Amino acid sequence: MTVIAVKMTPRGVLVPRSLMATWGNIREVETELQGDIVVIKPGLADTDEQLRAEIISGMEAAGLIENFRWPRPPVISADERVRLSRILVSDGPLSETIIEEREDRM
């Protein structure tokens, strides 16, 4: 943690951007009062995507997750979805339809 002497101004506490160079390109910071010190850290909006990418990359490197390239499901037109929904609705409750289909297997 970097400790610097600061001076309060009418605009608030001004922090030199060079002190935050290691954070990359950030737009917002968050401040937190911890006892007698004020902690300044990158805002969550700026770090969410970067942090997510780093976590996923680390998990892939450790073999905890694997990125499968599944084929995309076929695109179904709005008309086809309406047609299929009418079929499902006209048969009654879905649970009864499933039970009827499973009767063949018993």
C-alpha atoms as a PDB file:
ATOM      1  CA  MET A   1       0.000   0.000   0.000  1.00  0.00           C
ATOM      2  CA  THR A   2       1.339   3.415  -0.950  1.00  0.00           C
ATOM      3  CA  VAL A   3       1.108   6.064   1.745  1.00  0.00           C
ATOM      4  CA  ILE A   4       1.241   9.706   0.685  1.00  0.00           C
ATOM      5  CA  ALA A   5       0.872  12.998   2.496  1.00  0.00           C
ATOM      6  CA  VAL A   6      -2.230  14.772   1.204  1.00  0.00           C
ATOM      7  CA  LYS A   7      -3.690  18.208   1.502  1.00  0.00           C
ATOM      8  CA  MET A   8      -7.394  18.909   1.545  1.00  0.00           C
ATOM      9  CA  THR A   9      -8.526  21.414  -1.102  1.00  0.00           C
ATOM     10  CA  PRO A  10     -11.915  22.959  -1.874  1.00  0.00           C
ATOM     11  CA  ARG A  11     -12.226  20.316  -4.631  1.00  0.00           C
ATOM     12  CA  GLY A  12     -11.506  17.494  -2.166  1.00  0.00           C
ATOM     13  CA  VAL A  13      -8.397  15.346  -1.892  1.00  0.00           C
ATOM     14  CA  LEU A  14      -6.474  15.384  -5.148  1.00  0.00           C
ATOM     15  CA  VAL A  15      -4.480  12.248  -5.961  1.00  0.00           C
ATOM     16  CA  PRO A  16      -1.836  12.341  -8.701  1.00  0.00           C
ATOM     17  CA  ARG A  17      -2.834  10.034 -11.531  1.00  0.00           C
ATOM     18  CA  SER A  18       0.755   8.740 -11.696  1.00  0.00           C
ATOM     19  CA  LEU A  19       0.176   6.970  -8.354  1.00  0.00           C
ATOM     20  CA  MET A  20      -2.613   4.940  -9.980  1.00  0.00           C
ATOM     21  CA  ALA A  21      -0.702   4.030 -13.155  1.00  0.00           C
ATOM     22  CA  THR A  22      -0.516   0.366 -12.152  1.00  0.00           C
ATOM     23  CA  TRP A  23      -4.323   0.182 -12.149  1.00  0.00           C
ATOM     24  CA  GLY A  24      -4.488   0.830 -15.880  1.00  0.00           C
ATOM     25  CA  ASN A  25      -7.118   2.984 -17.521  1.00  0.00           C
ATOM     26  CA  ILE A  26      -9.661   3.691 -14.792  1.00  0.00           C
ATOM     27  CA  ARG A  27     -12.431   6.268 -14.768  1.00  0.00           C
ATOM     28  CA  GLU A  28     -13.659   6.046 -11.188  1.00  0.00           C
ATOM     29  CA  VAL A  29     -12.200   5.271  -7.789  1.00  0.00           C
ATOM     30  CA  GLU A  30     -13.778   4.232  -4.515  1.00  0.00           C
ATOM     31  CA  THR A  31     -12.706   5.506  -1.135  1.00  0.00           C
ATOM     32  CA  GLU A  32     -13.041   3.689   2.149  1.00  0.00           C
ATOM     33  CA  LEU A  33     -12.294   4.957   5.642  1.00  0.00           C
ATOM     34  CA  GLN A  34     -10.347   2.356   7.648  1.00  0.00           C
ATOM     35  CA  GLY A  35      -9.575   3.716  11.084  1.00  0.00           C
ATOM     36  CA  ASP A  36      -7.353   6.760  10.611  1.00  0.00           C
ATOM     37  CA  ILE A  37      -6.599   6.164   6.942  1.00  0.00           C
ATOM     38  CA  VAL A  38      -8.501   6.578   3.699  1.00  0.00           C
ATOM     39  CA  VAL A  39      -8.082   3.706   1.219  1.00  0.00           C
ATOM     40  CA  ILE A  40      -8.435   4.628  -2.453  1.00  0.00           C
ATOM     41  CA  LYS A  41      -9.064   1.758  -4.877  1.00  0.00           C
ATOM     42  CA  PRO A  42     -10.348   1.302  -8.434  1.00  0.00           C
ATOM     43  CA  GLY A  43     -14.108   1.509  -8.840  1.00  0.00           C
ATOM     44  CA  LEU A  44     -15.923  -1.789  -9.343  1.00  0.00           C
ATOM     45  CA  ALA A  45     -17.343  -0.680 -12.689  1.00  0.00           C
ATOM     46  CA  ASP A  46     -13.812  -0.366 -14.058  1.00  0.00           C
ATOM     47  CA  THR A  47     -12.486  -3.650 -12.707  1.00  0.00           C
ATOM     48  CA  ASP A  48     -15.422  -6.044 -13.240  1.00  0.00           C
ATOM     49  CA  GLU A  49     -14.620  -7.084 -16.821  1.00  0.00           C
ATOM     50  CA  GLN A  50     -10.867  -7.171 -16.295  1.00  0.00           C
ATOM     51  CA  LEU A  51     -11.234  -9.118 -13.056  1.00  0.00           C
ATOM     52  CA  ARG A  52     -13.662 -11.560 -14.668  1.00  0.00           C
ATOM     53  CA  ALA A  53     -11.243 -12.197 -17.542  1.00  0.00           C
ATOM     54  CA  GLU A  54      -8.340 -12.723 -15.117  1.00  0.00           C
ATOM     55  CA  ILE A  55     -10.356 -15.154 -12.972  1.00  0.00           C
ATOM     56  CA  ILE A  56     -11.490 -17.197 -15.971  1.00  0.00           C
ATOM     57  CA  SER A  57      -7.958 -17.242 -17.402  1.00  0.00           C
ATOM     58  CA  GLY A  58      -6.529 -18.410 -14.066  1.00  0.00           C
ATOM     59  CA  MET A  59      -9.152 -21.122 -13.686  1.00  0.00           C
ATOM     60  CA  GLU A  60      -8.505 -22.382 -17.226  1.00  0.00           C
ATOM     61  CA  ALA A  61      -4.734 -22.443 -16.564  1.00  0.00           C
ATOM     62  CA  ALA A  62      -5.332 -24.447 -13.369  1.00  0.00           C
ATOM     63  CA  GLY A  63      -7.532 -26.924 -15.245  1.00  0.00           C
ATOM     64  CA  LEU A  64     -10.619 -26.063 -13.203  1.00  0.00           C
ATOM     65  CA  ILE A  65     -12.718 -25.090 -16.215  1.00  0.00           C
ATOM     66  CA  GLU A  66     -12.569 -25.824 -19.909  1.00  0.00           C
ATOM     67  CA  ASN A  67     -13.958 -23.732 -22.710  1.00  0.00           C
ATOM     68  CA  PHE A  68     -15.926 -26.046 -25.026  1.00  0.00           C
ATOM     69  CA  ARG A  69     -16.819 -24.856 -28.483  1.00  0.00           C
ATOM     70  CA  TRP A  70     -20.382 -26.157 -28.667  1.00  0.00           C
ATOM     71  CA  PRO A  71     -22.292 -25.546 -31.875  1.00  0.00           C
ATOM     72  CA  ARG A  72     -24.919 -22.857 -31.561  1.00  0.00           C
ATOM     73  CA  PRO A  73     -28.506 -24.067 -31.395  1.00  0.00           C
ATOM     74  CA  PRO A  74     -30.473 -23.506 -34.593  1.00  0.00           C
ATOM     75  CA  VAL A  75     -32.177 -20.156 -34.975  1.00  0.00           C
ATOM     76  CA  ILE A  76     -35.937 -20.507 -34.705  1.00  0.00           C
ATOM     77  CA  SER A  77     -38.112 -17.860 -36.265  1.00  0.00           C
ATOM     78  CA  ALA A  78     -40.744 -16.035 -34.260  1.00  0.00           C
ATOM     79  CA  ASP A  79     -43.476 -17.709 -36.346  1.00  0.00           C
ATOM     80  CA  GLU A  80     -42.100 -21.165 -35.532  1.00  0.00           C
ATOM     81  CA  ARG A  81     -41.950 -20.330 -31.802  1.00  0.00           C
ATOM     82  CA  VAL A  82     -45.592 -19.219 -31.908  1.00  0.00           C
ATOM     83  CA  ARG A  83     -46.564 -22.446 -33.714  1.00  0.00           C
ATOM     84  CA  LEU A  84     -44.732 -24.599 -31.163  1.00  0.00           C
ATOM     85  CA  SER A  85     -46.192 -22.707 -28.202  1.00  0.00           C
ATOM     86  CA  ARG A  86     -49.709 -23.274 -29.548  1.00  0.00           C
ATOM     87  CA  ILE A  87     -49.029 -27.004 -29.768  1.00  0.00           C
ATOM     88  CA  LEU A  88     -47.817 -27.132 -26.174  1.00  0.00           C
ATOM     89  CA  VAL A  89     -50.680 -25.031 -24.833  1.00  0.00           C
ATOM     90  CA  SER A  90     -53.372 -26.997 -26.679  1.00  0.00           C
ATOM     91  CA  ASP A  91     -52.233 -30.277 -25.111  1.00  0.00           C
ATOM     92  CA  GLY A  92     -52.925 -29.099 -21.557  1.00  0.00           C
ATOM     93  CA  PRO A  93     -50.431 -28.869 -18.708  1.00  0.00           C
ATOM     94  CA  LEU A  94     -46.885 -29.838 -19.668  1.00  0.00           C
ATOM     95  CA  SER A  95     -46.608 -32.209 -16.701  1.00  0.00           C
ATOM     96  CA  GLU A  96     -49.540 -34.257 -18.044  1.00  0.00           C
ATOM     97  CA  THR A  97     -48.011 -34.343 -21.528  1.00  0.00           C
ATOM     98  CA  ILE A  98     -44.728 -35.660 -20.082  1.00  0.00           C
ATOM     99  CA  ILE A  99     -46.547 -38.326 -18.032  1.00  0.00           C
ATOM    100  CA  GLU A 100     -48.487 -39.462 -21.120  1.00  0.00           C
ATOM    101  CA  GLU A 101     -45.271 -39.738 -23.160  1.00  0.00           C
ATOM    102  CA  ARG A 102     -43.601 -41.765 -20.416  1.00  0.00           C
ATOM    103  CA  GLU A 103     -46.465 -44.266 -20.146  1.00  0.00           C
ATOM    104  CA  ASP A 104     -45.086 -45.978 -23.260  1.00  0.00           C
ATOM    105  CA  ARG A 105     -41.874 -46.818 -21.407  1.00  0.00           C
ATOM    106  CA  MET A 106     -43.534 -48.478 -18.387  1.00  0.00           C
END
